[in-house]
PDB file of N, CA and C in Angstrom:
ATOM      1  N   MET A   1      78.429  91.050  90.781  1.00  0.00           N
ATOM      2  CA  MET A   1      78.829  90.177  91.863  1.00  0.00           C
ATOM      3  C   MET A   1      78.781  90.909  93.206  1.00  0.00           C
ATOM      4  N   ILE A   2      79.425  92.058  93.271  1.00  0.00           N
ATOM      5  CA  ILE A   2      79.501  92.805  94.530  1.00  0.00           C
ATOM      6  C   ILE A   2      78.115  93.256  94.985  1.00  0.00           C
ATOM      7  N   ASP A   3      77.292  93.704  94.035  1.00  0.00           N
ATOM      8  CA  ASP A   3      75.943  94.153  94.382  1.00  0.00           C
ATOM      9  C   ASP A   3      75.094  93.003  94.901  1.00  0.00           C
ATOM     10  N   GLY A   4      75.265  91.832  94.314  1.00  0.00           N
ATOM     11  CA  GLY A   4      74.516  90.662  94.759  1.00  0.00           C
ATOM     12  C   GLY A   4      74.857  90.272  96.188  1.00  0.00           C
ATOM     13  N   ILE A   5      76.132  90.334  96.519  1.00  0.00           N
ATOM     14  CA  ILE A   5      76.570  89.989  97.874  1.00  0.00           C
ATOM     15  C   ILE A   5      76.012  90.996  98.871  1.00  0.00           C
ATOM     16  N   LEU A   6      76.144  92.279  98.556  1.00  0.00           N
ATOM     17  CA  LEU A   6      75.657  93.317  99.463  1.00  0.00           C
ATOM     18  C   LEU A   6      74.145  93.246  99.620  1.00  0.00           C
ATOM     19  N   LYS A   7      73.448  92.946  98.515  1.00  0.00           N
ATOM     20  CA  LYS A   7      71.988  92.886  98.543  1.00  0.00           C
ATOM     21  C   LYS A   7      71.492  91.827  99.524  1.00  0.00           C
ATOM     22  N   LYS A   8      72.216  90.716  99.621  1.00  0.00           N
ATOM     23  CA  LYS A   8      71.843  89.650 100.553  1.00  0.00           C
ATOM     24  C   LYS A   8      71.779  90.157 101.990  1.00  0.00           C
ATOM     25  N   PHE A   9      72.546  91.204 102.280  1.00  0.00           N
ATOM     26  CA  PHE A   9      72.607  91.736 103.632  1.00  0.00           C
ATOM     27  C   PHE A   9      71.916  93.090 103.755  1.00  0.00           C
ATOM     28  N   GLY A  10      71.104  93.422 102.748  1.00  0.00           N
ATOM     29  CA  GLY A  10      70.334  94.665 102.803  1.00  0.00           C
ATOM     30  C   GLY A  10      71.170  95.911 102.614  1.00  0.00           C
ATOM     31  N   LEU A  11      72.300  95.780 101.923  1.00  0.00           N
ATOM     32  CA  LEU A  11      73.193  96.918 101.700  1.00  0.00           C
ATOM     33  C   LEU A  11      73.318  97.216 100.213  1.00  0.00           C
ATOM     34  N   LYS A  12      73.719  98.439  99.922  1.00  0.00           N
ATOM     35  CA  LYS A  12      74.040  98.839  98.554  1.00  0.00           C
ATOM     36  C   LYS A  12      75.444  99.430  98.571  1.00  0.00           C
ATOM     37  N   TYR A  13      76.130  99.306  97.455  1.00  0.00           N
ATOM     38  CA  TYR A  13      77.491  99.832  97.362  1.00  0.00           C
ATOM     39  C   TYR A  13      77.510 101.327  97.690  1.00  0.00           C
ATOM     40  N   GLU A  14      76.488 102.041  97.240  1.00  0.00           N
ATOM     41  CA  GLU A  14      76.404 103.487  97.468  1.00  0.00           C
ATOM     42  C   GLU A  14      76.257 103.822  98.952  1.00  0.00           C
ATOM     43  N   ASP A  15      75.758 102.872  99.751  1.00  0.00           N
ATOM     44  CA  ASP A  15      75.561 103.100 101.184  1.00  0.00           C
ATOM     45  C   ASP A  15      76.874 103.091 101.958  1.00  0.00           C
ATOM     46  N   LEU A  16      77.904 102.490 101.382  1.00  0.00           N
ATOM     47  CA  LEU A  16      79.183 102.372 102.070  1.00  0.00           C
ATOM     48  C   LEU A  16      79.940 103.683 102.034  1.00  0.00           C
ATOM     49  N   ASN A  17      80.679 103.982 103.108  1.00  0.00           N
ATOM     50  CA  ASN A  17      81.534 105.168 103.074  1.00  0.00           C
ATOM     51  C   ASN A  17      82.822 104.812 102.336  1.00  0.00           C
ATOM     52  N   GLU A  18      83.680 105.773 102.152  1.00  0.00           N
ATOM     53  CA  GLU A  18      84.891 105.546 101.346  1.00  0.00           C
ATOM     54  C   GLU A  18      85.797 104.479 101.956  1.00  0.00           C
ATOM     55  N   ALA A  19      85.942 104.499 103.277  1.00  0.00           N
ATOM     56  CA  ALA A  19      86.798 103.496 103.926  1.00  0.00           C
ATOM     57  C   ALA A  19      86.229 102.093 103.714  1.00  0.00           C
ATOM     58  N   GLU A  20      84.913 101.959 103.813  1.00  0.00           N
ATOM     59  CA  GLU A  20      84.281 100.657 103.613  1.00  0.00           C
ATOM     60  C   GLU A  20      84.386 100.208 102.161  1.00  0.00           C
ATOM     61  N   LYS A  21      84.239 101.158 101.249  1.00  0.00           N
ATOM     62  CA  LYS A  21      84.389 100.817  99.823  1.00  0.00           C
ATOM     63  C   LYS A  21      85.800 100.333  99.537  1.00  0.00           C
ATOM     64  N   GLU A  22      86.783 101.018 100.098  1.00  0.00           N
ATOM     65  CA  GLU A  22      88.176 100.628  99.889  1.00  0.00           C
ATOM     66  C   GLU A  22      88.441  99.257 100.494  1.00  0.00           C
ATOM     67  N   THR A  23      87.916  99.021 101.677  1.00  0.00           N
ATOM     68  CA  THR A  23      88.069  97.711 102.310  1.00  0.00           C
ATOM     69  C   THR A  23      87.442  96.638 101.447  1.00  0.00           C
ATOM     70  N   LEU A  24      86.253  96.909 100.943  1.00  0.00           N
ATOM     71  CA  LEU A  24      85.555  95.941 100.100  1.00  0.00           C
ATOM     72  C   LEU A  24      86.330  95.676  98.813  1.00  0.00           C
ATOM     73  N   ARG A  25      86.863  96.743  98.210  1.00  0.00           N
ATOM     74  CA  ARG A  25      87.655  96.566  96.981  1.00  0.00           C
ATOM     75  C   ARG A  25      88.897  95.708  97.250  1.00  0.00           C
ATOM     76  N   SER A  26      89.581  95.997  98.346  1.00  0.00           N
ATOM     77  CA  SER A  26      90.788  95.211  98.646  1.00  0.00           C
ATOM     78  C   SER A  26      90.409  93.773  98.992  1.00  0.00           C
ATOM     79  N   TRP A  27      89.270  93.608  99.644  1.00  0.00           N
ATOM     80  CA  TRP A  27      88.816  92.263  99.976  1.00  0.00           C
ATOM     81  C   TRP A  27      88.510  91.484  98.706  1.00  0.00           C
ATOM     82  N   LEU A  28      87.828  92.121  97.759  1.00  0.00           N
ATOM     83  CA  LEU A  28      87.513  91.456  96.500  1.00  0.00           C
ATOM     84  C   LEU A  28      88.778  91.149  95.703  1.00  0.00           C
ATOM     85  N   GLU A  29      89.752  92.044  95.780  1.00  0.00           N
ATOM     86  CA  GLU A  29      91.028  91.797  95.112  1.00  0.00           C
ATOM     87  C   GLU A  29      91.710  90.578  95.718  1.00  0.00           C
ATOM     88  N   ASN A  30      91.652  90.490  97.035  1.00  0.00           N
ATOM     89  CA  ASN A  30      92.247  89.338  97.721  1.00  0.00           C
ATOM     90  C   ASN A  30      91.501  88.048  97.407  1.00  0.00           C
ATOM     91  N   LEU A  31      90.210  88.171  97.150  1.00  0.00           N
ATOM     92  CA  LEU A  31      89.426  86.982  96.819  1.00  0.00           C
ATOM     93  C   LEU A  31      89.967  86.273  95.589  1.00  0.00           C
ATOM     94  N   SER A  32      90.416  87.072  94.644  1.00  0.00           N
ATOM     95  CA  SER A  32      90.919  86.478  93.419  1.00  0.00           C
ATOM     96  C   SER A  32      92.278  85.808  93.636  1.00  0.00           C
ATOM     97  N   LYS A  33      92.920  86.134  94.751  1.00  0.00           N
ATOM     98  CA  LYS A  33      94.253  85.610  95.021  1.00  0.00           C
ATOM     99  C   LYS A  33      94.260  84.471  96.032  1.00  0.00           C
ATOM    100  N   GLN A  34      93.302  84.470  96.926  1.00  0.00           N
ATOM    101  CA  GLN A  34      93.351  83.477  97.991  1.00  0.00           C
ATOM    102  C   GLN A  34      91.954  83.016  98.391  1.00  0.00           C
ATOM    103  N   GLU A  35      91.929  82.017  99.212  1.00  0.00           N
ATOM    104  CA  GLU A  35      90.684  81.409  99.649  1.00  0.00           C
ATOM    105  C   GLU A  35      90.027  82.245 100.755  1.00  0.00           C
ATOM    106  N   ILE A  36      88.714  82.336 100.692  1.00  0.00           N
ATOM    107  CA  ILE A  36      87.960  83.021 101.733  1.00  0.00           C
ATOM    108  C   ILE A  36      87.739  82.032 102.872  1.00  0.00           C
ATOM    109  N   THR A  37      87.951  82.525 104.078  1.00  0.00           N
ATOM    110  CA  THR A  37      87.672  81.699 105.244  1.00  0.00           C
ATOM    111  C   THR A  37      86.652  82.437 106.107  1.00  0.00           C
ATOM    112  N   VAL A  38      86.000  81.701 106.964  1.00  0.00           N
ATOM    113  CA  VAL A  38      85.043  82.312 107.878  1.00  0.00           C
ATOM    114  C   VAL A  38      85.760  83.331 108.757  1.00  0.00           C
ATOM    115  N   GLU A  39      86.979  83.009 109.159  1.00  0.00           N
ATOM    116  CA  GLU A  39      87.744  83.924 110.008  1.00  0.00           C
ATOM    117  C   GLU A  39      88.036  85.247 109.292  1.00  0.00           C
ATOM    118  N   LYS A  40      88.344  85.182 107.996  1.00  0.00           N
ATOM    119  CA  LYS A  40      88.597  86.408 107.226  1.00  0.00           C
ATOM    120  C   LYS A  40      87.326  87.236 107.094  1.00  0.00           C
ATOM    121  N   ILE A  41      86.195  86.576 106.936  1.00  0.00           N
ATOM    122  CA  ILE A  41      84.918  87.289 106.843  1.00  0.00           C
ATOM    123  C   ILE A  41      84.610  87.956 108.180  1.00  0.00           C
ATOM    124  N   LYS A  42      84.853  87.251 109.270  1.00  0.00           N
ATOM    125  CA  LYS A  42      84.627  87.837 110.594  1.00  0.00           C
ATOM    126  C   LYS A  42      85.491  89.074 110.792  1.00  0.00           C
ATOM    127  N   GLU A  43      86.746  88.985 110.385  1.00  0.00           N
ATOM    128  CA  GLU A  43      87.660  90.120 110.522  1.00  0.00           C
ATOM    129  C   GLU A  43      87.183  91.300 109.676  1.00  0.00           C
ATOM    130  N   TYR A  44      86.716  91.031 108.488  1.00  0.00           N
ATOM    131  CA  TYR A  44      86.182  92.083 107.624  1.00  0.00           C
ATOM    132  C   TYR A  44      84.987  92.763 108.297  1.00  0.00           C
ATOM    133  N   ILE A  45      84.087  91.978 108.846  1.00  0.00           N
ATOM    134  CA  ILE A  45      82.903  92.536 109.503  1.00  0.00           C
ATOM    135  C   ILE A  45      83.321  93.363 110.718  1.00  0.00           C
ATOM    136  N   ARG A  46      84.308  92.879 111.467  1.00  0.00           N
ATOM    137  CA  ARG A  46      84.807  93.643 112.618  1.00  0.00           C
ATOM    138  C   ARG A  46      85.381  94.986 112.159  1.00  0.00           C
ATOM    139  N   ASN A  47      86.082  94.999 111.034  1.00  0.00           N
ATOM    140  CA  ASN A  47      86.615  96.255 110.495  1.00  0.00           C
ATOM    141  C   ASN A  47      85.489  97.201 110.098  1.00  0.00           C
ATOM    142  N   MET A  48      84.442  96.656 109.487  1.00  0.00           N
ATOM    143  CA  MET A  48      83.299  97.480 109.100  1.00  0.00           C
ATOM    144  C   MET A  48      82.609  98.044 110.348  1.00  0.00           C
ATOM    145  N   LEU A  49      82.489  97.230 111.384  1.00  0.00           N
ATOM    146  CA  LEU A  49      81.900  97.690 112.645  1.00  0.00           C
ATOM    147  C   LEU A  49      82.715  98.836 113.245  1.00  0.00           C
ATOM    148  N   SER A  50      84.005  98.695 113.187  1.00  0.00           N
ATOM    149  CA  SER A  50      84.887  99.729 113.718  1.00  0.00           C
ATOM    150  C   SER A  50      84.675 101.055 112.983  1.00  0.00           C
ATOM    151  N   GLY A  51      84.521 100.978 111.667  1.00  0.00           N
ATOM    152  CA  GLY A  51      84.266 102.183 110.890  1.00  0.00           C
ATOM    153  C   GLY A  51      82.954 102.848 111.269  1.00  0.00           C
ATOM    154  N   VAL A  52      81.926 102.054 111.481  1.00  0.00           N
ATOM    155  CA  VAL A  52      80.622 102.591 111.883  1.00  0.00           C
ATOM    156  C   VAL A  52      80.716 103.201 113.275  1.00  0.00           C
ATOM    157  N   GLU A  53      81.430 102.530 114.182  1.00  0.00           N
ATOM    158  CA  GLU A  53      81.588 103.059 115.539  1.00  0.00           C
ATOM    159  C   GLU A  53      82.261 104.428 115.521  1.00  0.00           C
ATOM    160  N   LYS A  54      83.274 104.586 114.686  1.00  0.00           N
ATOM    161  CA  LYS A  54      83.969 105.879 114.582  1.00  0.00           C
ATOM    162  C   LYS A  54      83.030 106.962 114.092  1.00  0.00           C
ATOM    163  N   GLU A  55      82.196 106.631 113.113  1.00  0.00           N
ATOM    164  CA  GLU A  55      81.242 107.609 112.606  1.00  0.00           C
ATOM    165  C   GLU A  55      80.196 107.953 113.660  1.00  0.00           C
ATOM    166  N   LEU A  56      79.737 106.958 114.409  1.00  0.00           N
ATOM    167  CA  LEU A  56      78.734 107.203 115.451  1.00  0.00           C
ATOM    168  C   LEU A  56      79.289 108.050 116.592  1.00  0.00           C
ATOM    169  N   ALA A  57      80.585 108.013 116.783  1.00  0.00           N
ATOM    170  CA  ALA A  57      81.207 108.762 117.874  1.00  0.00           C
ATOM    171  C   ALA A  57      81.296 110.258 117.586  1.00  0.00           C
ATOM    172  N   GLN A  58      80.979 110.660 116.368  1.00  0.00           N
ATOM    173  CA  GLN A  58      81.034 112.077 116.013  1.00  0.00           C
ATOM    174  C   GLN A  58      79.926 112.846 116.727  1.00  0.00           C
ATOM    175  N   ASP A  59      80.228 114.076 117.084  1.00  0.00           N
ATOM    176  CA  ASP A  59      79.232 114.944 117.724  1.00  0.00           C
ATOM    177  C   ASP A  59      78.245 115.484 116.696  1.00  0.00           C
ATOM    178  N   ASN A  60      77.048 115.734 117.150  1.00  0.00           N
ATOM    179  CA  ASN A  60      76.005 116.397 116.364  1.00  0.00           C
ATOM    180  C   ASN A  60      75.716 115.730 115.024  1.00  0.00           C
ATOM    181  N   LEU A  61      75.584 114.416 115.037  1.00  0.00           N
ATOM    182  CA  LEU A  61      75.203 113.705 113.809  1.00  0.00           C
ATOM    183  C   LEU A  61      73.763 114.038 113.466  1.00  0.00           C
ATOM    184  N   PRO A  62      73.478 114.245 112.188  1.00  0.00           N
ATOM    185  CA  PRO A  62      72.074 114.409 111.807  1.00  0.00           C
ATOM    186  C   PRO A  62      71.298 113.143 112.187  1.00  0.00           C
ATOM    187  N   LYS A  63      70.051 113.315 112.574  1.00  0.00           N
ATOM    188  CA  LYS A  63      69.246 112.192 113.057  1.00  0.00           C
ATOM    189  C   LYS A  63      69.166 111.067 112.034  1.00  0.00           C
ATOM    190  N   THR A  64      69.008 111.406 110.760  1.00  0.00           N
ATOM    191  CA  THR A  64      68.881 110.360 109.739  1.00  0.00           C
ATOM    192  C   THR A  64      70.178 109.573 109.596  1.00  0.00           C
ATOM    193  N   LYS A  65      71.318 110.262 109.678  1.00  0.00           N
ATOM    194  CA  LYS A  65      72.593 109.569 109.573  1.00  0.00           C
ATOM    195  C   LYS A  65      72.806 108.674 110.790  1.00  0.00           C
ATOM    196  N   ASP A  66      72.416 109.157 111.971  1.00  0.00           N
ATOM    197  CA  ASP A  66      72.533 108.378 113.192  1.00  0.00           C
ATOM    198  C   ASP A  66      71.710 107.096 113.079  1.00  0.00           C
ATOM    199  N   ILE A  67      70.503 107.200 112.611  1.00  0.00           N
ATOM    200  CA  ILE A  67      69.625 106.036 112.445  1.00  0.00           C
ATOM    201  C   ILE A  67      70.215 105.073 111.421  1.00  0.00           C
ATOM    202  N   PHE A  68      70.695 105.614 110.311  1.00  0.00           N
ATOM    203  CA  PHE A  68      71.288 104.800 109.253  1.00  0.00           C
ATOM    204  C   PHE A  68      72.512 104.035 109.770  1.00  0.00           C
ATOM    205  N   LEU A  69      73.377 104.726 110.507  1.00  0.00           N
ATOM    206  CA  LEU A  69      74.577 104.085 111.037  1.00  0.00           C
ATOM    207  C   LEU A  69      74.227 102.997 112.051  1.00  0.00           C
ATOM    208  N   LYS A  70      73.246 103.260 112.883  1.00  0.00           N
ATOM    209  CA  LYS A  70      72.831 102.252 113.866  1.00  0.00           C
ATOM    210  C   LYS A  70      72.236 101.032 113.174  1.00  0.00           C
ATOM    211  N   ALA A  71      71.519 101.253 112.089  1.00  0.00           N
ATOM    212  CA  ALA A  71      70.963 100.117 111.339  1.00  0.00           C
ATOM    213  C   ALA A  71      72.086  99.290 110.720  1.00  0.00           C
ATOM    214  N   ARG A  72      73.086  99.971 110.151  1.00  0.00           N
ATOM    215  CA  ARG A  72      74.230  99.245 109.583  1.00  0.00           C
ATOM    216  C   ARG A  72      74.948  98.461 110.670  1.00  0.00           C
ATOM    217  N   MET A  73      75.134  99.099 111.824  1.00  0.00           N
ATOM    218  CA  MET A  73      75.818  98.428 112.920  1.00  0.00           C
ATOM    219  C   MET A  73      75.037  97.179 113.345  1.00  0.00           C
ATOM    220  N   ARG A  74      73.731  97.307 113.438  1.00  0.00           N
ATOM    221  CA  ARG A  74      72.905  96.156 113.810  1.00  0.00           C
ATOM    222  C   ARG A  74      73.072  95.025 112.799  1.00  0.00           C
ATOM    223  N   ASN A  75      73.087  95.380 111.501  1.00  0.00           N
ATOM    224  CA  ASN A  75      73.273  94.355 110.462  1.00  0.00           C
ATOM    225  C   ASN A  75      74.616  93.659 110.592  1.00  0.00           C
ATOM    226  N   TYR A  76      75.672  94.434 110.830  1.00  0.00           N
ATOM    227  CA  TYR A  76      77.002  93.841 110.986  1.00  0.00           C
ATOM    228  C   TYR A  76      77.045  92.938 112.218  1.00  0.00           C
ATOM    229  N   LEU A  77      76.432  93.375 113.311  1.00  0.00           N
ATOM    230  CA  LEU A  77      76.414  92.562 114.525  1.00  0.00           C
ATOM    231  C   LEU A  77      75.636  91.267 114.308  1.00  0.00           C
ATOM    232  N   LEU A  78      74.533  91.347 113.586  1.00  0.00           N
ATOM    233  CA  LEU A  78      73.760  90.145 113.277  1.00  0.00           C
ATOM    234  C   LEU A  78      74.576  89.172 112.428  1.00  0.00           C
ATOM    235  N   LEU A  79      75.287  89.703 111.445  1.00  0.00           N
ATOM    236  CA  LEU A  79      76.145  88.853 110.612  1.00  0.00           C
ATOM    237  C   LEU A  79      77.225  88.186 111.451  1.00  0.00           C
ATOM    238  N   LEU A  80      77.846  88.963 112.307  1.00  0.00           N
ATOM    239  CA  LEU A  80      78.907  88.427 113.158  1.00  0.00           C
ATOM    240  C   LEU A  80      78.350  87.352 114.094  1.00  0.00           C
ATOM    241  N   ASP A  81      77.173  87.600 114.662  1.00  0.00           N
ATOM    242  CA  ASP A  81      76.542  86.582 115.514  1.00  0.00           C
ATOM    243  C   ASP A  81      76.247  85.317 114.722  1.00  0.00           C
ATOM    244  N   PHE A  82      75.766  85.486 113.507  1.00  0.00           N
ATOM    245  CA  PHE A  82      75.465  84.340 112.654  1.00  0.00           C
ATOM    246  C   PHE A  82      76.725  83.508 112.402  1.00  0.00           C
ATOM    247  N   LEU A  83      77.840  84.195 112.158  1.00  0.00           N
ATOM    248  CA  LEU A  83      79.091  83.497 111.861  1.00  0.00           C
ATOM    249  C   LEU A  83      79.732  82.877 113.093  1.00  0.00           C
ATOM    250  N   THR A  84      79.470  83.437 114.256  1.00  0.00           N
ATOM    251  CA  THR A  84      80.102  82.918 115.468  1.00  0.00           C
ATOM    252  C   THR A  84      79.197  81.981 116.255  1.00  0.00           C
ATOM    253  N   SER A  85      77.945  81.859 115.871  1.00  0.00           N
ATOM    254  CA  SER A  85      77.033  81.010 116.650  1.00  0.00           C
ATOM    255  C   SER A  85      77.470  79.547 116.698  1.00  0.00           C
ATOM    256  N   PRO A  86      78.017  78.965 115.617  1.00  0.00           N
ATOM    257  CA  PRO A  86      78.496  77.584 115.755  1.00  0.00           C
ATOM    258  C   PRO A  86      79.616  77.462 116.789  1.00  0.00           C
ATOM    259  N   GLU A  87      80.495  78.463 116.834  1.00  0.00           N
ATOM    260  CA  GLU A  87      81.573  78.451 117.826  1.00  0.00           C
ATOM    261  C   GLU A  87      81.005  78.534 119.229  1.00  0.00           C
ATOM    262  N   LYS A  88      80.036  79.427 119.420  1.00  0.00           N
ATOM    263  CA  LYS A  88      79.426  79.586 120.740  1.00  0.00           C
ATOM    264  C   LYS A  88      78.721  78.302 121.154  1.00  0.00           C
ATOM    265  N   ALA A  89      78.003  77.699 120.228  1.00  0.00           N
ATOM    266  CA  ALA A  89      77.299  76.450 120.531  1.00  0.00           C
ATOM    267  C   ALA A  89      78.296  75.357 120.930  1.00  0.00           C
ATOM    268  N   LYS A  90      79.411  75.282 120.220  1.00  0.00           N
ATOM    269  CA  LYS A  90      80.426  74.279 120.531  1.00  0.00           C
ATOM    270  C   LYS A  90      80.992  74.502 121.930  1.00  0.00           C
ATOM    271  N   LYS A  91      81.243  75.766 122.294  1.00  0.00           N
ATOM    272  CA  LYS A  91      81.782  76.069 123.614  1.00  0.00           C
ATOM    273  C   LYS A  91      80.798  75.681 124.712  1.00  0.00           C
ATOM    274  N   VAL A  92      79.508  75.930 124.467  1.00  0.00           N
ATOM    275  CA  VAL A  92      78.492  75.564 125.448  1.00  0.00           C
ATOM    276  C   VAL A  92      78.486  74.050 125.647  1.00  0.00           C
ATOM    277  N   VAL A  93      78.526  73.307 124.553  1.00  0.00           N
ATOM    278  CA  VAL A  93      78.540  71.842 124.643  1.00  0.00           C
ATOM    279  C   VAL A  93      79.785  71.377 125.381  1.00  0.00           C
ATOM    280  N   GLU A  94      80.927  71.971 125.066  1.00  0.00           N
ATOM    281  CA  GLU A  94      82.170  71.590 125.741  1.00  0.00           C
ATOM    282  C   GLU A  94      82.088  71.859 127.245  1.00  0.00           C
ATOM    283  N   GLU A  95      81.512  72.999 127.613  1.00  0.00           N
ATOM    284  CA  GLU A  95      81.361  73.325 129.034  1.00  0.00           C
ATOM    285  C   GLU A  95      80.443  72.330 129.719  1.00  0.00           C
ATOM    286  N   GLN A  96      79.369  71.957 129.036  1.00  0.00           N
ATOM    287  CA  GLN A  96      78.443  70.985 129.612  1.00  0.00           C
ATOM    288  C   GLN A  96      79.147  69.638 129.819  1.00  0.00           C
ATOM    289  N   LEU A  97      79.951  69.241 128.839  1.00  0.00           N
ATOM    290  CA  LEU A  97      80.676  67.979 128.967  1.00  0.00           C
ATOM    291  C   LEU A  97      81.705  68.029 130.095  1.00  0.00           C
ATOM    292  N   LYS A  98      82.343  69.164 130.277  1.00  0.00           N
ATOM    293  CA  LYS A  98      83.293  69.313 131.374  1.00  0.00           C
ATOM    294  C   LYS A  98      82.595  69.142 132.711  1.00  0.00           C
ATOM    295  N   ASN A  99      81.394  69.689 132.820  1.00  0.00           N
ATOM    296  CA  ASN A  99      80.637  69.611 134.072  1.00  0.00           C
ATOM    297  C   ASN A  99      80.184  68.180 134.375  1.00  0.00           C
ATOM    298  N   ILE A 100      79.938  67.398 133.347  1.00  0.00           N
ATOM    299  CA  ILE A 100      79.526  66.016 133.535  1.00  0.00           C
ATOM    300  C   ILE A 100      80.663  65.186 134.123  1.00  0.00           C
ATOM    301  N   LYS A 101      81.896  65.458 133.688  1.00  0.00           N
ATOM    302  CA  LYS A 101      83.055  64.702 134.152  1.00  0.00           C
ATOM    303  C   LYS A 101      83.354  64.959 135.626  1.00  0.00           C
ATOM    304  N   LYS A 102      82.929  66.076 136.162  1.00  0.00           N
ATOM    305  CA  LYS A 102      83.267  66.449 137.547  1.00  0.00           C
ATOM    306  C   LYS A 102      82.429  65.745 138.556  1.00  0.00           C
TER     307      LYS A 102
END
């Protein structure tokens, strides 16, 4: 199950660092207890982004690790954009409607 989910996003369990693995394990544990919401998924992705940002902030990263981390960050940002695009679209429509009333 976990490998299938990660595979959809071009990730492997082995690619995750320990903090991300622990987050994923706790998230999966919570899945069995409660309902998944888009907001919870967004929060999870934000946590994963934060972990990548901390790793990228380290001095003298090997070039391959730097590239790998940037690729992961790009994937997380794309996922977050995908999940928030309906919200953004709704806000744009609302703004347009507000302008029509004026």
